[in-house]
Amino acid sequence: MVRQLTEIGNNYLRRCHAQVVRCGQAFRDWFQELRSPLVSQTRGVKLLREWLSPEQLTQYDATGYFHVIGSESGKRYRICHGTSMNIYEIDLAGNLRNGWCFVPNAPLVAGDVMLAQKIALETDERGALVVAKKFSPSASAFANTALARQRVDRIG
């Protein structure tokens, strides 16, 4: 009788232990999925920072955007932190002329999108602008620059 009760108890404990292990694994998987976007954001900004020139990096750290020079026209573009509608053509006086929107064909984090935009403008400006959508920059085009800067600070 004691042996039978011990066996029943051991079987019950084994089932409980297996269930606890499964729950622990499910929680660990859920937590990893939850952290994944933050990890991706951090890695994207890190990679972008590695590709920026010292001047661009200083500007990005201070403002949340950086300037690039177009490969063919020599025009100056401002790439703001973001994934779309974040490129502005700048005239010689520093005024916004046109907004340009082009993004990769895959869902990427902001740092990766901005790096792709930088490389496209600096190496194939004409090809990038052929696929870009042009828009008129609004007076509040940089109203969210402080918010973008806060996001970059939290990520980087």
N, C-alpha and C. Protein backbone atom coordinates (compact mmCIF):
# COMPACT_ATOMS: atom_id res chain seq x y z
N MET A 1 0.82 -1.20 0.00
CA MET A 1 0.00 0.00 0.00
C MET A 1 0.86 1.27 0.00
N VAL A 2 1.89 1.29 0.87
CA VAL A 2 2.78 2.45 0.93
C VAL A 2 3.52 2.61 -0.39
N ARG A 3 3.94 1.48 -0.94
CA ARG A 3 4.65 1.52 -2.22
C ARG A 3 3.75 2.08 -3.32
N GLN A 4 2.50 1.67 -3.32
CA GLN A 4 1.56 2.14 -4.33
C GLN A 4 1.32 3.65 -4.17
N LEU A 5 1.16 4.14 -2.95
CA LEU A 5 0.97 5.58 -2.70
C LEU A 5 2.21 6.37 -3.10
N THR A 6 3.37 5.81 -2.82
CA THR A 6 4.63 6.48 -3.20
C THR A 6 4.72 6.60 -4.71
N GLU A 7 4.35 5.54 -5.40
CA GLU A 7 4.40 5.57 -6.86
C GLU A 7 3.40 6.58 -7.43
N ILE A 8 2.21 6.65 -6.88
CA ILE A 8 1.21 7.63 -7.32
C ILE A 8 1.73 9.05 -7.07
N GLY A 9 2.32 9.26 -5.90
CA GLY A 9 2.88 10.57 -5.57
C GLY A 9 4.01 10.97 -6.51
N ASN A 10 4.90 10.01 -6.79
CA ASN A 10 6.01 10.29 -7.71
C ASN A 10 5.51 10.61 -9.12
N ASN A 11 4.52 9.87 -9.59
CA ASN A 11 3.95 10.14 -10.92
C ASN A 11 3.33 11.54 -10.96
N TYR A 12 2.63 11.89 -9.89
CA TYR A 12 2.01 13.22 -9.81
C TYR A 12 3.10 14.30 -9.83
N LEU A 13 4.16 14.11 -9.06
CA LEU A 13 5.25 15.09 -9.03
C LEU A 13 5.93 15.20 -10.38
N ARG A 14 6.12 14.08 -11.08
CA ARG A 14 6.73 14.13 -12.42
C ARG A 14 5.88 14.93 -13.39
N ARG A 15 4.56 14.71 -13.34
CA ARG A 15 3.66 15.47 -14.22
C ARG A 15 3.69 16.95 -13.88
N CYS A 16 3.69 17.26 -12.60
CA CYS A 16 3.75 18.67 -12.18
C CYS A 16 5.06 19.31 -12.62
N HIS A 17 6.15 18.58 -12.43
CA HIS A 17 7.46 19.10 -12.83
C HIS A 17 7.50 19.36 -14.34
N ALA A 18 6.97 18.41 -15.12
CA ALA A 18 6.96 18.58 -16.58
C ALA A 18 6.12 19.79 -16.97
N GLN A 19 5.01 19.99 -16.29
CA GLN A 19 4.15 21.14 -16.60
C GLN A 19 4.84 22.45 -16.23
N VAL A 20 5.54 22.48 -15.11
CA VAL A 20 6.28 23.67 -14.70
C VAL A 20 7.38 23.98 -15.72
N VAL A 21 8.07 22.95 -16.18
CA VAL A 21 9.12 23.14 -17.18
C VAL A 21 8.53 23.70 -18.47
N ARG A 22 7.38 23.17 -18.92
CA ARG A 22 6.73 23.68 -20.13
C ARG A 22 6.30 25.14 -19.95
N CYS A 23 5.75 25.46 -18.79
CA CYS A 23 5.34 26.84 -18.53
C CYS A 23 6.54 27.77 -18.51
N GLY A 24 7.63 27.31 -17.91
CA GLY A 24 8.85 28.11 -17.88
C GLY A 24 9.38 28.38 -19.28
N GLN A 25 9.38 27.35 -20.11
CA GLN A 25 9.84 27.51 -21.50
C GLN A 25 8.93 28.46 -22.27
N ALA A 26 7.62 28.33 -22.07
CA ALA A 26 6.67 29.22 -22.75
C ALA A 26 6.90 30.66 -22.31
N PHE A 27 7.14 30.87 -21.03
CA PHE A 27 7.40 32.23 -20.53
C PHE A 27 8.69 32.77 -21.12
N ARG A 28 9.73 31.94 -21.16
CA ARG A 28 11.01 32.38 -21.71
C ARG A 28 10.85 32.73 -23.19
N ASP A 29 10.11 31.93 -23.96
CA ASP A 29 9.87 32.21 -25.38
C ASP A 29 9.09 33.51 -25.54
N TRP A 30 8.05 33.69 -24.71
CA TRP A 30 7.26 34.91 -24.78
C TRP A 30 8.12 36.13 -24.47
N PHE A 31 8.96 36.04 -23.47
CA PHE A 31 9.82 37.16 -23.09
C PHE A 31 10.81 37.49 -24.20
N GLN A 32 11.37 36.47 -24.86
CA GLN A 32 12.29 36.69 -25.97
C GLN A 32 11.60 37.41 -27.13
N GLU A 33 10.36 37.00 -27.43
CA GLU A 33 9.60 37.67 -28.49
C GLU A 33 9.33 39.12 -28.12
N LEU A 34 9.04 39.35 -26.86
CA LEU A 34 8.78 40.71 -26.38
C LEU A 34 10.01 41.59 -26.53
N ARG A 35 11.18 41.04 -26.25
CA ARG A 35 12.43 41.79 -26.33
C ARG A 35 12.94 41.95 -27.75
N SER A 36 12.51 41.09 -28.67
CA SER A 36 13.04 41.07 -30.01
C SER A 36 12.99 42.42 -30.73
N PRO A 37 11.85 43.15 -30.72
CA PRO A 37 11.85 44.45 -31.41
C PRO A 37 12.86 45.43 -30.82
N LEU A 38 13.02 45.43 -29.51
CA LEU A 38 13.98 46.33 -28.88
C LEU A 38 15.40 45.96 -29.28
N VAL A 39 15.69 44.67 -29.32
CA VAL A 39 17.01 44.21 -29.74
C VAL A 39 17.25 44.61 -31.18
N SER A 40 16.25 44.43 -32.04
CA SER A 40 16.39 44.80 -33.45
C SER A 40 16.62 46.30 -33.61
N GLN A 41 15.86 47.10 -32.85
CA GLN A 41 16.04 48.56 -32.91
C GLN A 41 17.46 48.94 -32.50
N THR A 42 17.93 48.34 -31.42
CA THR A 42 19.27 48.65 -30.92
C THR A 42 20.33 48.27 -31.95
N ARG A 43 20.19 47.09 -32.54
CA ARG A 43 21.16 46.65 -33.53
C ARG A 43 21.12 47.53 -34.78
N GLY A 44 19.91 47.96 -35.19
CA GLY A 44 19.78 48.82 -36.36
C GLY A 44 20.47 50.17 -36.16
N VAL A 45 20.26 50.78 -35.00
CA VAL A 45 20.89 52.07 -34.71
C VAL A 45 22.40 51.90 -34.59
N LYS A 46 22.83 50.80 -33.99
CA LYS A 46 24.28 50.54 -33.85
C LYS A 46 24.93 50.43 -35.22
N LEU A 47 24.31 49.67 -36.13
CA LEU A 47 24.86 49.53 -37.47
C LEU A 47 24.88 50.87 -38.20
N LEU A 48 23.80 51.64 -38.11
CA LEU A 48 23.76 52.96 -38.73
C LEU A 48 24.91 53.82 -38.22
N ARG A 49 25.10 53.85 -36.91
CA ARG A 49 26.15 54.68 -36.31
C ARG A 49 27.53 54.29 -36.82
N GLU A 50 27.74 52.99 -37.07
CA GLU A 50 29.04 52.52 -37.59
C GLU A 50 29.30 53.03 -39.00
N TRP A 51 28.24 53.29 -39.77
CA TRP A 51 28.39 53.72 -41.16
C TRP A 51 28.40 55.24 -41.32
N LEU A 52 28.02 55.97 -40.29
CA LEU A 52 28.01 57.43 -40.40
C LEU A 52 29.42 57.98 -40.32
N SER A 53 29.66 59.05 -41.07
CA SER A 53 30.95 59.74 -40.96
C SER A 53 31.00 60.42 -39.58
N PRO A 54 32.17 60.83 -39.12
CA PRO A 54 32.24 61.52 -37.82
C PRO A 54 31.33 62.75 -37.75
N GLU A 55 31.25 63.50 -38.85
CA GLU A 55 30.38 64.69 -38.86
C GLU A 55 28.91 64.29 -38.78
N GLN A 56 28.54 63.27 -39.55
CA GLN A 56 27.16 62.80 -39.54
C GLN A 56 26.79 62.25 -38.17
N LEU A 57 27.70 61.52 -37.55
CA LEU A 57 27.43 60.95 -36.23
C LEU A 57 27.23 62.05 -35.19
N THR A 58 28.08 63.06 -35.23
CA THR A 58 27.93 64.19 -34.30
C THR A 58 26.59 64.87 -34.51
N GLN A 59 26.22 65.08 -35.75
CA GLN A 59 24.95 65.73 -36.06
C GLN A 59 23.77 64.85 -35.62
N TYR A 60 23.85 63.57 -35.88
CA TYR A 60 22.78 62.64 -35.51
C TYR A 60 22.61 62.59 -33.99
N ASP A 61 23.72 62.53 -33.28
CA ASP A 61 23.65 62.50 -31.81
C ASP A 61 23.03 63.77 -31.25
N ALA A 62 23.30 64.90 -31.87
CA ALA A 62 22.80 66.18 -31.37
C ALA A 62 21.35 66.46 -31.76
N THR A 63 20.94 65.98 -32.95
CA THR A 63 19.65 66.42 -33.48
C THR A 63 18.66 65.30 -33.83
N GLY A 64 19.16 64.09 -34.04
CA GLY A 64 18.28 63.00 -34.48
C GLY A 64 18.17 62.92 -35.99
N TYR A 65 18.97 63.70 -36.70
CA TYR A 65 19.05 63.61 -38.16
C TYR A 65 20.48 63.86 -38.59
N PHE A 66 20.77 63.56 -39.86
CA PHE A 66 22.10 63.84 -40.42
C PHE A 66 21.93 64.19 -41.89
N HIS A 67 22.94 64.84 -42.45
CA HIS A 67 22.91 65.26 -43.85
C HIS A 67 23.77 64.33 -44.69
N VAL A 68 23.31 64.12 -45.92
CA VAL A 68 24.09 63.39 -46.92
C VAL A 68 24.11 64.23 -48.19
N ILE A 69 25.12 64.01 -49.01
CA ILE A 69 25.25 64.71 -50.29
C ILE A 69 24.93 63.72 -51.40
N GLY A 70 24.01 64.11 -52.28
CA GLY A 70 23.63 63.25 -53.40
C GLY A 70 24.80 62.98 -54.32
N SER A 71 24.89 61.75 -54.81
CA SER A 71 26.04 61.33 -55.61
C SER A 71 26.11 62.00 -56.97
N GLU A 72 24.98 62.36 -57.55
CA GLU A 72 25.00 62.93 -58.90
C GLU A 72 24.79 64.44 -58.92
N SER A 73 23.85 64.95 -58.13
CA SER A 73 23.51 66.37 -58.19
C SER A 73 24.32 67.20 -57.21
N GLY A 74 24.86 66.57 -56.19
CA GLY A 74 25.56 67.32 -55.15
C GLY A 74 24.60 68.00 -54.18
N LYS A 75 23.29 67.73 -54.32
CA LYS A 75 22.30 68.31 -53.41
C LYS A 75 22.47 67.72 -52.02
N ARG A 76 22.04 68.50 -51.04
CA ARG A 76 22.13 68.07 -49.64
C ARG A 76 20.76 67.58 -49.20
N TYR A 77 20.75 66.43 -48.52
CA TYR A 77 19.52 65.82 -48.00
C TYR A 77 19.66 65.62 -46.50
N ARG A 78 18.57 65.83 -45.82
CA ARG A 78 18.51 65.58 -44.38
C ARG A 78 17.71 64.30 -44.17
N ILE A 79 18.33 63.32 -43.52
CA ILE A 79 17.65 62.07 -43.18
C ILE A 79 17.35 62.11 -41.69
N CYS A 80 16.06 62.16 -41.38
CA CYS A 80 15.61 62.21 -39.98
C CYS A 80 15.35 60.80 -39.46
N HIS A 81 15.44 60.65 -38.16
CA HIS A 81 15.17 59.34 -37.56
C HIS A 81 13.74 58.92 -37.89
N GLY A 82 13.60 57.77 -38.52
CA GLY A 82 12.27 57.28 -38.89
C GLY A 82 12.37 56.26 -40.00
N THR A 83 11.20 55.80 -40.43
CA THR A 83 11.17 54.76 -41.46
C THR A 83 10.49 55.21 -42.75
N SER A 84 9.83 56.34 -42.75
CA SER A 84 9.20 56.83 -43.99
C SER A 84 8.97 58.33 -43.87
N MET A 85 8.87 58.97 -45.03
CA MET A 85 8.67 60.42 -45.11
C MET A 85 9.66 61.14 -44.18
N ASN A 86 10.91 60.72 -44.24
CA ASN A 86 11.92 61.24 -43.33
C ASN A 86 13.14 61.84 -44.04
N ILE A 87 13.01 62.09 -45.35
CA ILE A 87 14.12 62.66 -46.12
C ILE A 87 13.70 64.01 -46.66
N TYR A 88 14.55 65.01 -46.46
CA TYR A 88 14.24 66.36 -46.91
C TYR A 88 15.42 66.91 -47.70
N GLU A 89 15.10 67.46 -48.86
CA GLU A 89 16.11 68.15 -49.66
C GLU A 89 16.31 69.54 -49.05
N ILE A 90 17.56 69.93 -48.89
CA ILE A 90 17.89 71.20 -48.24
C ILE A 90 18.56 72.11 -49.28
N ASP A 91 18.10 73.37 -49.38
CA ASP A 91 18.74 74.29 -50.32
C ASP A 91 20.00 74.90 -49.69
N LEU A 92 20.68 75.76 -50.47
CA LEU A 92 21.94 76.35 -50.00
C LEU A 92 21.76 77.21 -48.74
N ALA A 93 20.56 77.77 -48.57
CA ALA A 93 20.29 78.59 -47.39
C ALA A 93 19.88 77.76 -46.18
N GLY A 94 19.77 76.46 -46.37
CA GLY A 94 19.38 75.58 -45.27
C GLY A 94 17.88 75.40 -45.12
N ASN A 95 17.11 75.85 -46.11
CA ASN A 95 15.66 75.72 -46.07
C ASN A 95 15.22 74.38 -46.68
N LEU A 96 14.08 73.89 -46.21
CA LEU A 96 13.52 72.66 -46.75
C LEU A 96 12.94 72.95 -48.13
N ARG A 97 13.31 72.14 -49.11
CA ARG A 97 12.75 72.33 -50.45
C ARG A 97 11.70 71.27 -50.75
N ASN A 98 12.09 70.03 -50.73
CA ASN A 98 11.18 68.93 -51.04
C ASN A 98 11.37 67.82 -50.02
N GLY A 99 10.31 67.07 -49.81
CA GLY A 99 10.41 65.85 -49.02
C GLY A 99 10.43 64.67 -49.97
N TRP A 100 11.16 63.64 -49.61
CA TRP A 100 11.26 62.44 -50.42
C TRP A 100 11.00 61.22 -49.54
N CYS A 101 10.25 60.29 -50.08
CA CYS A 101 9.94 59.07 -49.33
C CYS A 101 10.27 57.86 -50.19
N PHE A 102 11.26 57.10 -49.75
CA PHE A 102 11.55 55.80 -50.34
C PHE A 102 12.10 54.90 -49.25
N VAL A 103 11.66 53.67 -49.29
CA VAL A 103 12.04 52.71 -48.25
C VAL A 103 12.33 51.35 -48.89
N PRO A 104 13.08 50.50 -48.21
CA PRO A 104 13.31 49.14 -48.73
C PRO A 104 11.99 48.36 -48.81
N ASN A 105 11.98 47.29 -49.56
CA ASN A 105 10.78 46.48 -49.75
C ASN A 105 10.54 45.48 -48.62
N ALA A 106 11.20 45.65 -47.51
CA ALA A 106 11.04 44.73 -46.38
C ALA A 106 10.77 45.55 -45.12
N PRO A 107 10.06 44.99 -44.17
CA PRO A 107 9.83 45.71 -42.92
C PRO A 107 11.12 45.72 -42.08
N LEU A 108 11.74 46.88 -42.00
CA LEU A 108 13.00 47.03 -41.27
C LEU A 108 12.84 48.08 -40.17
N VAL A 109 13.73 48.04 -39.21
CA VAL A 109 13.72 49.03 -38.14
C VAL A 109 14.33 50.33 -38.67
N ALA A 110 14.11 51.41 -37.94
CA ALA A 110 14.50 52.75 -38.39
C ALA A 110 15.98 52.84 -38.76
N GLY A 111 16.86 52.32 -37.93
CA GLY A 111 18.29 52.41 -38.22
C GLY A 111 18.66 51.76 -39.54
N ASP A 112 18.07 50.61 -39.83
CA ASP A 112 18.35 49.91 -41.09
C ASP A 112 17.79 50.68 -42.29
N VAL A 113 16.59 51.23 -42.14
CA VAL A 113 15.98 52.02 -43.23
C VAL A 113 16.83 53.25 -43.51
N MET A 114 17.24 53.96 -42.46
CA MET A 114 18.03 55.18 -42.64
C MET A 114 19.38 54.87 -43.29
N LEU A 115 19.99 53.74 -42.93
CA LEU A 115 21.26 53.36 -43.54
C LEU A 115 21.05 53.07 -45.03
N ALA A 116 19.98 52.36 -45.37
CA ALA A 116 19.70 52.08 -46.78
C ALA A 116 19.47 53.39 -47.55
N GLN A 117 18.76 54.34 -46.94
CA GLN A 117 18.52 55.63 -47.59
C GLN A 117 19.83 56.39 -47.79
N LYS A 118 20.68 56.39 -46.79
CA LYS A 118 21.98 57.07 -46.87
C LYS A 118 22.80 56.49 -48.02
N ILE A 119 22.92 55.17 -48.05
CA ILE A 119 23.73 54.52 -49.08
C ILE A 119 23.14 54.78 -50.47
N ALA A 120 21.82 54.73 -50.58
CA ALA A 120 21.18 54.97 -51.88
C ALA A 120 21.46 56.38 -52.38
N LEU A 121 21.31 57.37 -51.53
CA LEU A 121 21.53 58.76 -51.96
C LEU A 121 23.00 59.03 -52.27
N GLU A 122 23.89 58.42 -51.51
CA GLU A 122 25.32 58.69 -51.71
C GLU A 122 25.93 57.88 -52.86
N THR A 123 25.24 56.84 -53.31
CA THR A 123 25.82 56.03 -54.38
C THR A 123 24.99 56.00 -55.66
N ASP A 124 23.67 56.15 -55.55
CA ASP A 124 22.80 56.10 -56.72
C ASP A 124 21.61 57.05 -56.50
N GLU A 125 21.93 58.31 -56.37
CA GLU A 125 20.90 59.32 -56.08
C GLU A 125 19.77 59.28 -57.11
N ARG A 126 20.11 59.24 -58.38
CA ARG A 126 19.09 59.25 -59.43
C ARG A 126 18.17 58.03 -59.32
N GLY A 127 18.74 56.85 -59.12
CA GLY A 127 17.94 55.64 -58.98
C GLY A 127 17.03 55.69 -57.76
N ALA A 128 17.52 56.26 -56.68
CA ALA A 128 16.70 56.37 -55.46
C ALA A 128 15.53 57.32 -55.69
N LEU A 129 15.79 58.46 -56.33
CA LEU A 129 14.73 59.45 -56.52
C LEU A 129 13.71 59.03 -57.57
N VAL A 130 14.09 58.11 -58.49
CA VAL A 130 13.14 57.60 -59.48
C VAL A 130 12.01 56.85 -58.79
N VAL A 131 12.33 56.10 -57.74
CA VAL A 131 11.31 55.32 -57.05
C VAL A 131 10.69 56.08 -55.87
N ALA A 132 11.28 57.22 -55.51
CA ALA A 132 10.80 57.97 -54.35
C ALA A 132 9.50 58.71 -54.64
N LYS A 133 8.71 58.89 -53.61
CA LYS A 133 7.51 59.73 -53.68
C LYS A 133 7.89 61.09 -53.14
N LYS A 134 7.53 62.12 -53.89
CA LYS A 134 7.84 63.49 -53.49
C LYS A 134 6.68 64.04 -52.68
N PHE A 135 7.00 64.79 -51.63
CA PHE A 135 5.96 65.44 -50.83
C PHE A 135 6.45 66.80 -50.39
N SER A 136 5.50 67.66 -50.05
CA SER A 136 5.84 69.00 -49.58
C SER A 136 6.05 68.97 -48.07
N PRO A 137 7.22 69.40 -47.62
CA PRO A 137 7.44 69.42 -46.18
C PRO A 137 6.55 70.46 -45.52
N SER A 138 5.98 70.11 -44.39
CA SER A 138 5.12 71.04 -43.67
C SER A 138 5.95 71.87 -42.70
N ALA A 139 5.32 72.89 -42.16
CA ALA A 139 6.01 73.74 -41.19
C ALA A 139 6.39 72.95 -39.95
N SER A 140 5.66 71.87 -39.70
CA SER A 140 5.95 71.06 -38.50
C SER A 140 6.80 69.84 -38.84
N ALA A 141 7.53 69.90 -39.95
CA ALA A 141 8.30 68.74 -40.38
C ALA A 141 9.28 68.26 -39.33
N PHE A 142 9.78 69.19 -38.51
CA PHE A 142 10.76 68.80 -37.50
C PHE A 142 10.22 68.98 -36.10
N ALA A 143 8.89 69.11 -35.98
CA ALA A 143 8.30 69.27 -34.65
C ALA A 143 8.55 68.05 -33.77
N ASN A 144 8.65 66.89 -34.38
CA ASN A 144 8.85 65.67 -33.61
C ASN A 144 10.33 65.29 -33.49
N THR A 145 11.24 66.19 -33.89
CA THR A 145 12.66 65.87 -33.81
C THR A 145 13.08 65.59 -32.37
N ALA A 146 12.53 66.33 -31.42
CA ALA A 146 12.87 66.08 -30.02
C ALA A 146 12.39 64.70 -29.58
N LEU A 147 11.20 64.30 -30.04
CA LEU A 147 10.70 62.97 -29.71
C LEU A 147 11.57 61.89 -30.35
N ALA A 148 11.97 62.12 -31.59
CA ALA A 148 12.84 61.16 -32.27
C ALA A 148 14.17 61.07 -31.53
N ARG A 149 14.68 62.18 -31.08
CA ARG A 149 15.94 62.21 -30.34
C ARG A 149 15.82 61.40 -29.05
N GLN A 150 14.68 61.51 -28.38
CA GLN A 150 14.47 60.74 -27.15
C GLN A 150 14.43 59.25 -27.45
N ARG A 151 13.80 58.87 -28.57
CA ARG A 151 13.75 57.45 -28.95
C ARG A 151 15.15 56.93 -29.22
N VAL A 152 15.95 57.74 -29.93
CA VAL A 152 17.32 57.33 -30.26
C VAL A 152 18.12 57.18 -28.96
N ASP A 153 17.95 58.10 -28.03
CA ASP A 153 18.67 58.02 -26.76
C ASP A 153 18.31 56.75 -26.00
N ARG A 154 17.03 56.38 -26.03
CA ARG A 154 16.61 55.17 -25.32
C ARG A 154 17.14 53.93 -25.99
N ILE A 155 17.21 53.95 -27.32
CA ILE A 155 17.67 52.78 -28.07
C ILE A 155 19.18 52.66 -28.00
N GLY A 156 19.87 53.74 -28.35
CA GLY A 156 21.34 53.71 -28.44
C GLY A 156 21.93 53.83 -27.10
